Amino acid sequence: MVAGAETDQRVTVNNGVSRMRDPLKGAFFWLSVFYFVYCARPEDWVPGLLYAPLAKISGIFAILALFSSWGKTKRKLNDLPREGLYLLILICLLFVSAVFSPVWKGGAFFRTLDFAKVFVIWLLTVMIITDMRRFKRIAFIQTGSVAAIALISLIKGHDKPRLEGVLRGIYGNPNDLAFAIVLSLPFCLAFLLLARGPLRKLVWIFSMLIMFACLFLTASRAGFVTLVISGAVCLWHFAVKERRVYLIAAAAAVVLLVGLVAGGKLKDRFLAISGQGLDSRMETSAYGSYEQRRELIVESFKCMVRYPILGIGVRNFTSYTPAWREVHMAYLQIGAEGGFLGLILYLLFFRRGFANLRKLRKIRNLNPEIKLFAGALHSSLVGFAVGALFAPEAYQFFPFFTVAYTAVLLFLAQDNSAKKASEDPRQKMEVYFIPGGAGLTYAGR
């Protein structure tokens, strides 16, 4: 009877856990919609959707669904990692910076309001993704969307001097398009290694080839440097540590092949840095861009010294400088527009992403899927940390998504460890009735 009672209780507990997850289905659906809207930008290629604020609608519904299930979710606000607090304080600081901006208060305020959506999505991602199936679905939406954008860009923009995203927003600039591709490529490789069946593997191989070609045709020097760093870390995790040496040979062959076919413009832009042999209009433009970026870096330091506390407001650096250009370094971008305190909070936020991954590596018997995606996230984060030295990507959402993913994987790994510990026979307790005893006696096995 005792054993039967324990079995019934276990069933009740399992059913209870299952019911606790049900309220999050609606929230997860709307979170998935937001990721699709942000990453695939359907309003730019589906007629009639341009005038519908799809991102706001999906975000609002996701928040409402989360609040409706409040108290029934596995994670509470007290469980949230520290990087969420850093991000929230950073956004509040940017709002204050907008109010006191010496350049353009209104513009800085509304741009900060738009950027503030990243905290909402970060919070929903950490709270709602409570199992590996949901994590893979969100990662698939981001990765698949970027691969689709790369394909569309190749089809519609292959005849342009530099390949640009055919869509607006986060893909409109060649550097932005290249940056999004590099941060998503490690996930492509992770899905390729997880794929079962030749057809699925071929789809992921084709997607990676398209993304490589698209990146080379953007002729983005920052994108290429980020690719080299991120790719090296990726191969360390997936090829060297996991003894898949064939991946190194395959990666070298792909880079060589794509470089020979589509790397001419990128090579010319790198050679133009020297300022010699500027034979074409694009080479002259590339050298002028390099010189201008050096001047903007100096100007951004002067801006930080002049406005060290609050900066000049989000996206106001273009109006602050005579060149009307952004400084091509994310750290100086956030430092000039959010002050030194904003830069510190920004660095602390991304430092926490690396800390989450370090904690993951210390967990014994890590789930193979979690271990695989942890390597992809590390590659993406290192790529961002280096690429941010060469690109104005301080407000792009993809890096913030990556940090949210590290927190989610850490939660999942800790949940798995706790579950295994509870199922360990050495941790279980048995109940015995001892004749003549004073009642129940508990003994550990």
Protein backbone atom coordinates (compact mmCIF):
# COMPACT_ATOMS: atom_id res chain seq x y z
CA MET A 1 0.00 0.00 0.00
CA VAL A 2 2.85 2.34 0.75
CA ALA A 3 4.47 1.67 -2.62
CA GLY A 4 1.15 2.09 -4.38
CA ALA A 5 0.53 5.38 -2.66
CA GLU A 6 3.95 6.62 -3.74
CA THR A 7 3.21 5.64 -7.36
CA ASP A 8 -0.12 7.43 -7.33
CA GLN A 9 1.53 10.48 -5.83
CA ARG A 10 4.21 10.41 -8.47
CA VAL A 11 1.59 10.31 -11.21
CA THR A 12 -0.22 13.18 -9.57
CA VAL A 13 3.01 15.17 -9.37
CA ASN A 14 3.85 14.45 -13.01
CA ASN A 15 0.38 15.45 -14.12
CA GLY A 16 0.66 18.56 -11.98
CA VAL A 17 3.94 19.54 -13.69
CA SER A 18 2.35 18.94 -17.06
CA ARG A 19 -0.60 21.16 -16.17
CA MET A 20 1.72 23.86 -14.88
CA ARG A 21 3.34 24.08 -18.30
CA ASP A 22 0.07 24.34 -20.20
CA PRO A 23 -0.57 28.04 -19.42
CA LEU A 24 2.70 28.92 -21.15
CA LYS A 25 1.59 27.56 -24.51
CA GLY A 26 -0.11 30.80 -25.47
CA ALA A 27 2.80 32.90 -24.27
CA PHE A 28 5.25 30.71 -26.17
CA PHE A 29 3.18 30.99 -29.34
CA TRP A 30 3.26 34.78 -29.25
CA LEU A 31 6.94 34.77 -28.35
CA SER A 32 7.57 32.61 -31.42
CA VAL A 33 5.57 35.07 -33.51
CA PHE A 34 7.70 37.96 -32.25
CA TYR A 35 10.94 36.16 -33.09
CA PHE A 36 9.63 35.41 -36.56
CA VAL A 37 8.48 39.00 -37.10
CA TYR A 38 11.79 40.45 -35.90
CA CYS A 39 14.08 37.99 -37.69
CA ALA A 40 12.15 37.44 -40.94
CA ARG A 41 10.51 40.89 -41.25
CA PRO A 42 7.40 39.66 -43.14
CA GLU A 43 6.02 43.20 -43.25
CA ASP A 44 8.69 44.01 -45.84
CA TRP A 45 7.80 41.24 -48.28
CA VAL A 46 4.10 40.48 -47.63
CA PRO A 47 1.80 43.11 -49.20
CA GLY A 48 -0.33 44.98 -46.71
CA LEU A 49 1.63 44.07 -43.58
CA LEU A 50 3.86 47.15 -43.70
CA TYR A 51 1.26 49.22 -41.87
CA ALA A 52 0.60 46.62 -39.17
CA PRO A 53 2.84 46.87 -36.06
CA LEU A 54 3.37 43.12 -35.94
CA ALA A 55 6.26 43.20 -33.48
CA LYS A 56 4.30 45.32 -30.99
CA ILE A 57 1.17 43.17 -31.36
CA SER A 58 3.02 39.88 -30.82
CA GLY A 59 4.99 41.32 -27.90
CA ILE A 60 1.85 42.63 -26.18
CA PHE A 61 0.02 39.31 -26.56
CA ALA A 62 3.05 37.41 -25.23
CA ILE A 63 3.16 39.66 -22.14
CA LEU A 64 -0.58 39.26 -21.55
CA ALA A 65 -0.29 35.48 -21.88
CA LEU A 66 2.61 35.44 -19.42
CA PHE A 67 0.73 37.56 -16.87
CA SER A 68 -2.33 35.33 -17.20
CA SER A 69 -0.21 32.37 -16.11
CA TRP A 70 1.69 34.24 -13.40
CA GLY A 71 2.25 32.14 -10.31
CA LYS A 72 1.92 28.93 -12.30
CA THR A 73 5.22 29.17 -14.13
CA LYS A 74 8.29 27.16 -13.17
CA ARG A 75 10.47 30.28 -12.89
CA LYS A 76 9.86 33.26 -10.67
CA LEU A 77 11.22 36.79 -10.81
CA ASN A 78 13.58 35.95 -7.95
CA ASP A 79 15.15 33.27 -10.16
CA LEU A 80 16.05 35.68 -12.97
CA PRO A 81 19.79 36.07 -13.62
CA ARG A 82 21.62 39.28 -12.85
CA GLU A 83 22.07 40.31 -16.50
CA GLY A 84 18.36 41.11 -16.66
CA LEU A 85 18.84 43.75 -13.97
CA TYR A 86 21.83 45.20 -15.84
CA LEU A 87 19.76 45.47 -19.02
CA LEU A 88 16.83 47.09 -17.23
CA ILE A 89 19.06 49.68 -15.56
CA LEU A 90 20.78 50.37 -18.89
CA ILE A 91 17.45 51.06 -20.58
CA CYS A 92 16.31 53.33 -17.72
CA LEU A 93 19.61 55.20 -17.99
CA LEU A 94 19.12 55.68 -21.72
CA PHE A 95 15.67 57.16 -21.07
CA VAL A 96 17.22 59.65 -18.64
CA SER A 97 19.92 60.35 -21.21
CA ALA A 98 17.23 61.13 -23.77
CA VAL A 99 15.53 63.62 -21.44
CA PHE A 100 18.78 65.52 -20.91
CA SER A 101 20.20 65.03 -24.39
CA PRO A 102 22.06 68.08 -25.75
CA VAL A 103 21.39 66.95 -29.34
CA TRP A 104 17.84 65.67 -29.94
CA LYS A 105 15.67 64.74 -26.98
CA GLY A 106 12.63 63.49 -28.91
CA GLY A 107 14.59 61.31 -31.29
CA ALA A 108 16.62 59.75 -28.49
CA PHE A 109 13.48 59.06 -26.43
CA PHE A 110 11.56 57.25 -29.15
CA ARG A 111 14.64 55.29 -30.24
CA THR A 112 15.16 54.22 -26.64
CA LEU A 113 11.51 53.22 -26.46
CA ASP A 114 12.00 51.05 -29.52
CA PHE A 115 15.17 49.52 -28.05
CA ALA A 116 13.38 48.85 -24.74
CA LYS A 117 11.48 46.01 -26.44
CA VAL A 118 14.63 43.92 -26.12
CA PHE A 119 14.17 43.71 -22.33
CA VAL A 120 10.60 42.51 -22.73
CA ILE A 121 11.72 39.79 -25.15
CA TRP A 122 14.69 38.89 -22.96
CA LEU A 123 12.38 38.47 -19.96
CA LEU A 124 9.82 36.43 -21.90
CA THR A 125 12.55 34.22 -23.39
CA VAL A 126 14.00 33.36 -19.98
CA MET A 127 10.59 32.86 -18.33
CA ILE A 128 8.77 30.98 -21.08
CA ILE A 129 11.37 28.63 -22.59
CA THR A 130 11.29 25.85 -20.01
CA ASP A 131 12.35 22.84 -22.07
CA MET A 132 14.77 21.95 -24.85
CA ARG A 133 12.03 21.57 -27.43
CA ARG A 134 11.01 25.20 -27.05
CA PHE A 135 14.61 26.37 -27.07
CA LYS A 136 15.32 24.59 -30.35
CA ARG A 137 12.18 26.01 -31.91
CA ILE A 138 13.14 29.61 -31.09
CA ALA A 139 16.73 29.04 -32.26
CA PHE A 140 15.35 27.48 -35.45
CA ILE A 141 13.13 30.49 -36.12
CA GLN A 142 16.09 32.87 -35.82
CA THR A 143 18.47 30.74 -37.85
CA GLY A 144 15.97 29.79 -40.55
CA SER A 145 14.86 33.40 -40.93
CA VAL A 146 18.41 34.68 -41.43
CA ALA A 147 19.11 31.89 -43.96
CA ALA A 148 15.95 32.83 -45.87
CA ILE A 149 16.91 36.51 -45.84
CA ALA A 150 20.36 35.59 -47.18
CA LEU A 151 18.79 33.65 -50.06
CA ILE A 152 16.38 36.47 -50.92
CA SER A 153 19.23 38.98 -50.79
CA LEU A 154 21.29 36.88 -53.22
CA ILE A 155 18.41 36.56 -55.65
CA LYS A 156 17.41 40.22 -55.66
CA GLY A 157 20.70 41.99 -54.97
CA HIS A 158 23.42 39.95 -56.69
CA ASP A 159 24.01 42.64 -59.33
CA LYS A 160 24.72 45.43 -56.81
CA PRO A 161 28.27 46.66 -56.05
CA ARG A 162 27.81 45.47 -52.46
CA LEU A 163 25.11 43.04 -51.50
CA GLU A 164 22.55 44.70 -49.26
CA GLY A 165 19.57 43.26 -47.50
CA VAL A 166 16.56 43.62 -49.77
CA LEU A 167 14.58 44.27 -46.60
CA ARG A 168 14.73 47.31 -44.38
CA GLY A 169 15.57 47.59 -40.72
CA ILE A 170 18.18 45.22 -39.31
CA TYR A 171 19.18 43.92 -42.78
CA GLY A 172 19.23 47.17 -44.75
CA ASN A 173 22.95 47.85 -44.39
CA PRO A 174 25.58 45.40 -45.76
CA ASN A 175 27.42 45.38 -42.43
CA ASP A 176 24.21 44.68 -40.51
CA LEU A 177 23.32 41.84 -42.86
CA ALA A 178 26.80 40.32 -42.53
CA PHE A 179 26.69 40.64 -38.73
CA ALA A 180 23.33 38.85 -38.48
CA ILE A 181 24.63 36.04 -40.69
CA VAL A 182 27.80 35.49 -38.66
CA LEU A 183 25.91 35.38 -35.34
CA SER A 184 23.50 32.77 -36.76
CA LEU A 185 25.98 30.49 -38.54
CA PRO A 186 27.00 28.55 -35.37
CA PHE A 187 23.36 27.59 -34.89
CA CYS A 188 23.26 26.31 -38.46
CA LEU A 189 26.18 24.01 -37.71
CA ALA A 190 24.54 22.83 -34.48
CA PHE A 191 21.31 21.98 -36.32
CA LEU A 192 23.32 20.25 -39.04
CA LEU A 193 24.99 18.00 -36.47
CA LEU A 194 21.62 17.26 -34.87
CA ALA A 195 19.78 16.62 -38.14
CA ARG A 196 18.67 13.07 -38.91
CA GLY A 197 18.48 11.91 -42.48
CA PRO A 198 20.38 13.08 -45.56
CA LEU A 199 17.66 15.47 -46.75
CA ARG A 200 17.67 17.56 -43.58
CA LYS A 201 21.45 17.63 -43.53
CA LEU A 202 21.51 18.80 -47.15
CA VAL A 203 19.08 21.61 -46.32
CA TRP A 204 21.36 22.88 -43.55
CA ILE A 205 24.47 22.52 -45.73
CA PHE A 206 22.76 24.51 -48.49
CA SER A 207 21.67 27.16 -45.97
CA MET A 208 25.24 27.58 -44.72
CA LEU A 209 26.62 27.86 -48.26
CA ILE A 210 24.05 30.54 -49.07
CA MET A 211 24.91 32.44 -45.90
CA PHE A 212 28.65 32.22 -46.63
CA ALA A 213 28.14 33.52 -50.18
CA CYS A 214 25.88 36.31 -48.98
CA LEU A 215 28.41 37.39 -46.36
CA PHE A 216 31.28 37.52 -48.88
CA LEU A 217 29.16 39.53 -51.34
CA THR A 218 28.36 42.14 -48.71
CA ALA A 219 32.11 42.90 -48.81
CA SER A 220 31.88 43.68 -45.11
CA ARG A 221 35.35 43.75 -43.57
CA ALA A 222 33.91 43.71 -40.05
CA GLY A 223 31.69 40.79 -41.00
CA PHE A 224 34.63 38.80 -42.34
CA VAL A 225 36.76 39.41 -39.24
CA THR A 226 33.84 38.35 -37.07
CA LEU A 227 33.41 35.23 -39.21
CA VAL A 228 37.06 34.23 -38.76
CA ILE A 229 36.93 34.60 -34.96
CA SER A 230 33.51 33.00 -34.51
CA GLY A 231 34.37 30.21 -36.96
CA ALA A 232 37.61 29.40 -35.12
CA VAL A 233 35.78 29.07 -31.80
CA CYS A 234 33.05 27.04 -33.48
CA LEU A 235 35.58 24.58 -34.93
CA TRP A 236 37.30 24.32 -31.56
CA HIS A 237 34.04 23.20 -29.93
CA PHE A 238 32.63 20.99 -32.69
CA ALA A 239 35.73 19.72 -34.51
CA VAL A 240 38.65 19.64 -32.06
CA LYS A 241 36.97 18.91 -28.73
CA GLU A 242 34.41 16.51 -30.22
CA ARG A 243 36.95 14.94 -32.59
CA ARG A 244 35.15 15.78 -35.83
CA VAL A 245 38.30 16.60 -37.77
CA TYR A 246 36.42 16.45 -41.06
CA LEU A 247 34.68 19.70 -40.12
CA ILE A 248 38.00 21.58 -40.28
CA ALA A 249 38.67 20.31 -43.80
CA ALA A 250 35.08 21.05 -44.86
CA ALA A 251 35.20 24.60 -43.44
CA ALA A 252 38.53 25.34 -45.16
CA ALA A 253 37.18 24.03 -48.48
CA VAL A 254 33.98 26.11 -48.21
CA VAL A 255 35.82 29.34 -47.32
CA LEU A 256 38.31 28.80 -50.15
CA LEU A 257 35.62 27.99 -52.71
CA VAL A 258 33.27 30.82 -51.74
CA GLY A 259 36.20 33.22 -51.45
CA LEU A 260 37.35 32.42 -54.99
CA VAL A 261 33.85 32.75 -56.43
CA ALA A 262 32.44 35.68 -54.45
CA GLY A 263 35.34 37.20 -52.51
CA GLY A 264 36.73 39.63 -55.06
CA LYS A 265 34.93 42.69 -53.70
CA LEU A 266 35.83 41.83 -50.13
CA LYS A 267 39.51 41.43 -51.07
CA ASP A 268 39.52 44.81 -52.82
CA ARG A 269 38.05 46.52 -49.77
CA PHE A 270 40.72 45.04 -47.51
CA LEU A 271 43.51 46.08 -49.89
CA ALA A 272 42.06 49.59 -50.10
CA ILE A 273 42.97 50.17 -46.43
CA SER A 274 46.58 50.84 -47.51
CA GLY A 275 45.45 53.73 -49.71
CA GLN A 276 47.51 52.50 -52.68
CA GLY A 277 46.36 51.21 -56.04
CA LEU A 278 42.82 52.60 -55.79
CA ASP A 279 41.74 51.64 -59.30
CA SER A 280 37.99 51.48 -58.89
CA ARG A 281 35.26 53.64 -57.44
CA MET A 282 34.48 51.03 -54.78
CA GLU A 283 38.14 50.85 -53.68
CA THR A 284 38.29 54.64 -53.38
CA SER A 285 35.08 54.58 -51.37
CA ALA A 286 36.45 51.81 -49.13
CA TYR A 287 39.61 53.81 -48.38
CA GLY A 288 37.56 56.94 -47.69
CA SER A 289 35.33 54.91 -45.38
CA TYR A 290 38.38 53.63 -43.48
CA GLU A 291 39.79 57.13 -43.00
CA GLN A 292 36.41 58.50 -41.96
CA ARG A 293 35.97 55.74 -39.37
CA ARG A 294 39.29 56.65 -37.79
CA GLU A 295 38.11 60.24 -37.43
CA LEU A 296 34.78 59.11 -35.97
CA ILE A 297 36.56 57.02 -33.34
CA VAL A 298 38.49 60.10 -32.20
CA GLU A 299 35.26 62.13 -32.23
CA SER A 300 33.46 59.51 -30.12
CA PHE A 301 36.20 59.67 -27.46
CA LYS A 302 35.85 63.46 -27.37
CA CYS A 303 32.07 63.04 -27.01
CA MET A 304 32.50 60.65 -24.07
CA VAL A 305 34.85 63.09 -22.33
CA ARG A 306 32.47 66.00 -22.91
CA TYR A 307 29.32 64.09 -21.81
CA PRO A 308 30.66 61.36 -19.49
CA ILE A 309 27.61 60.81 -17.26
CA LEU A 310 24.60 60.38 -19.57
CA GLY A 311 26.01 60.71 -23.07
CA ILE A 312 24.03 62.35 -25.87
CA GLY A 313 21.13 59.91 -26.33
CA VAL A 314 20.45 56.81 -28.41
CA ARG A 315 21.35 57.13 -32.13
CA ASN A 316 22.24 60.81 -31.68
CA PHE A 317 25.91 60.44 -32.59
CA THR A 318 25.10 60.74 -36.30
CA SER A 319 23.55 64.17 -35.64
CA TYR A 320 26.37 65.14 -33.30
CA THR A 321 29.15 64.74 -35.88
CA PRO A 322 29.60 66.78 -39.08
CA ALA A 323 30.04 63.55 -41.05
CA TRP A 324 26.53 62.31 -40.13
CA ARG A 325 27.86 58.79 -39.63
CA GLU A 326 27.82 56.25 -36.80
CA VAL A 327 31.07 55.29 -35.10
CA HIS A 328 31.90 51.78 -36.28
CA MET A 329 32.51 50.35 -32.83
CA ALA A 330 29.60 49.22 -30.68
CA TYR A 331 31.43 49.93 -27.41
CA LEU A 332 32.19 53.54 -28.35
CA GLN A 333 28.68 53.87 -29.75
CA ILE A 334 27.06 52.99 -26.43
CA GLY A 335 29.71 54.98 -24.53
CA ALA A 336 29.11 58.17 -26.50
CA GLU A 337 25.32 57.86 -26.43
CA GLY A 338 24.88 56.41 -22.93
CA GLY A 339 27.92 57.69 -21.09
CA PHE A 340 30.54 55.73 -19.17
CA LEU A 341 27.90 54.20 -16.87
CA GLY A 342 25.96 52.96 -19.89
CA LEU A 343 29.12 51.39 -21.30
CA ILE A 344 29.85 49.64 -17.98
CA LEU A 345 26.32 48.21 -17.79
CA TYR A 346 26.58 47.10 -21.41
CA LEU A 347 29.83 45.26 -20.74
CA LEU A 348 28.51 43.70 -17.53
CA PHE A 349 25.46 42.39 -19.38
CA PHE A 350 27.50 40.52 -21.98
CA ARG A 351 30.04 39.41 -19.39
CA ARG A 352 27.18 37.55 -17.70
CA GLY A 353 26.57 35.63 -20.92
CA PHE A 354 30.11 34.25 -20.76
CA ALA A 355 29.65 33.54 -17.03
CA ASN A 356 26.53 31.46 -17.79
CA LEU A 357 28.49 29.38 -20.28
CA ARG A 358 31.31 28.83 -17.77
CA LYS A 359 28.78 27.53 -15.25
CA LEU A 360 27.36 25.24 -17.92
CA ARG A 361 30.76 23.70 -18.59
CA LYS A 362 31.16 22.84 -14.90
CA ILE A 363 27.98 20.75 -14.81
CA ARG A 364 28.70 17.03 -14.98
CA ASN A 365 27.05 14.73 -17.51
CA LEU A 366 25.70 17.65 -19.51
CA ASN A 367 22.89 16.84 -21.91
CA PRO A 368 24.43 16.37 -25.41
CA GLU A 369 22.01 18.83 -27.03
CA ILE A 370 22.66 21.45 -24.35
CA LYS A 371 26.41 20.92 -24.76
CA LEU A 372 26.10 21.34 -28.54
CA PHE A 373 24.16 24.59 -28.36
CA ALA A 374 26.40 25.88 -25.57
CA GLY A 375 29.29 25.62 -28.02
CA ALA A 376 27.26 27.47 -30.66
CA LEU A 377 26.39 30.21 -28.19
CA HIS A 378 30.00 30.59 -27.12
CA SER A 379 31.05 30.94 -30.76
CA SER A 380 28.36 33.54 -31.38
CA LEU A 381 29.20 35.53 -28.24
CA VAL A 382 32.94 35.58 -28.96
CA GLY A 383 32.17 36.62 -32.54
CA PHE A 384 30.02 39.47 -31.27
CA ALA A 385 32.58 40.60 -28.68
CA VAL A 386 35.23 40.91 -31.42
CA GLY A 387 32.91 42.08 -34.19
CA ALA A 388 31.59 44.88 -31.97
CA LEU A 389 35.05 46.45 -32.25
CA PHE A 390 34.41 47.06 -35.95
CA ALA A 391 30.65 47.59 -36.32
CA PRO A 392 27.95 49.90 -34.88
CA GLU A 393 25.76 47.07 -33.57
CA ALA A 394 25.13 48.28 -30.02
CA TYR A 395 21.34 48.14 -30.38
CA GLN A 396 20.87 45.07 -32.55
CA PHE A 397 18.75 42.47 -30.77
CA PHE A 398 20.60 39.31 -31.88
CA PRO A 399 23.44 39.59 -29.30
CA PHE A 400 20.88 40.19 -26.53
CA PHE A 401 18.97 37.11 -27.68
CA THR A 402 22.22 35.15 -27.41
CA VAL A 403 22.71 36.12 -23.76
CA ALA A 404 19.10 35.16 -23.04
CA TYR A 405 19.76 31.76 -24.63
CA THR A 406 22.75 31.20 -22.32
CA ALA A 407 20.53 31.84 -19.29
CA VAL A 408 17.88 29.45 -20.63
CA LEU A 409 20.40 26.66 -21.26
CA LEU A 410 21.83 27.11 -17.77
CA PHE A 411 18.35 26.81 -16.26
CA LEU A 412 17.65 23.68 -18.31
CA ALA A 413 20.96 22.09 -17.35
CA GLN A 414 20.38 22.82 -13.66
CA ASP A 415 16.87 21.39 -13.88
CA ASN A 416 18.25 18.21 -15.47
CA SER A 417 20.91 17.89 -12.77
CA ALA A 418 18.35 18.32 -10.01
CA LYS A 419 16.10 15.72 -11.64
CA LYS A 420 18.94 13.21 -11.94
CA ALA A 421 19.91 13.80 -8.33
CA SER A 422 16.33 13.14 -7.18
CA GLU A 423 16.23 9.93 -9.23
CA ASP A 424 19.56 8.68 -7.87
CA PRO A 425 18.84 5.51 -5.82
CA ARG A 426 21.44 6.59 -3.28
CA GLN A 427 19.35 9.68 -2.54
CA LYS A 428 16.04 7.87 -2.11
CA MET A 429 14.50 7.08 1.24
CA GLU A 430 12.55 3.94 2.08
CA VAL A 431 9.89 3.45 4.74
CA TYR A 432 9.89 0.43 7.00
CA PHE A 433 7.49 -0.78 9.72
CA ILE A 434 9.59 -2.31 12.47
CA PRO A 435 7.62 -4.65 14.75
CA GLY A 436 7.65 -3.36 18.25
CA GLY A 437 9.10 -0.10 17.11
CA ALA A 438 7.82 3.35 17.87
CA GLY A 439 6.23 3.89 14.45
CA LEU A 440 7.90 4.69 11.12
CA THR A 441 11.63 4.43 10.61
CA TYR A 442 13.35 6.05 7.58
CA ALA A 443 16.47 4.54 6.13
CA GLY A 444 18.53 5.69 3.19
CA ARG A 445 19.74 3.22 0.57
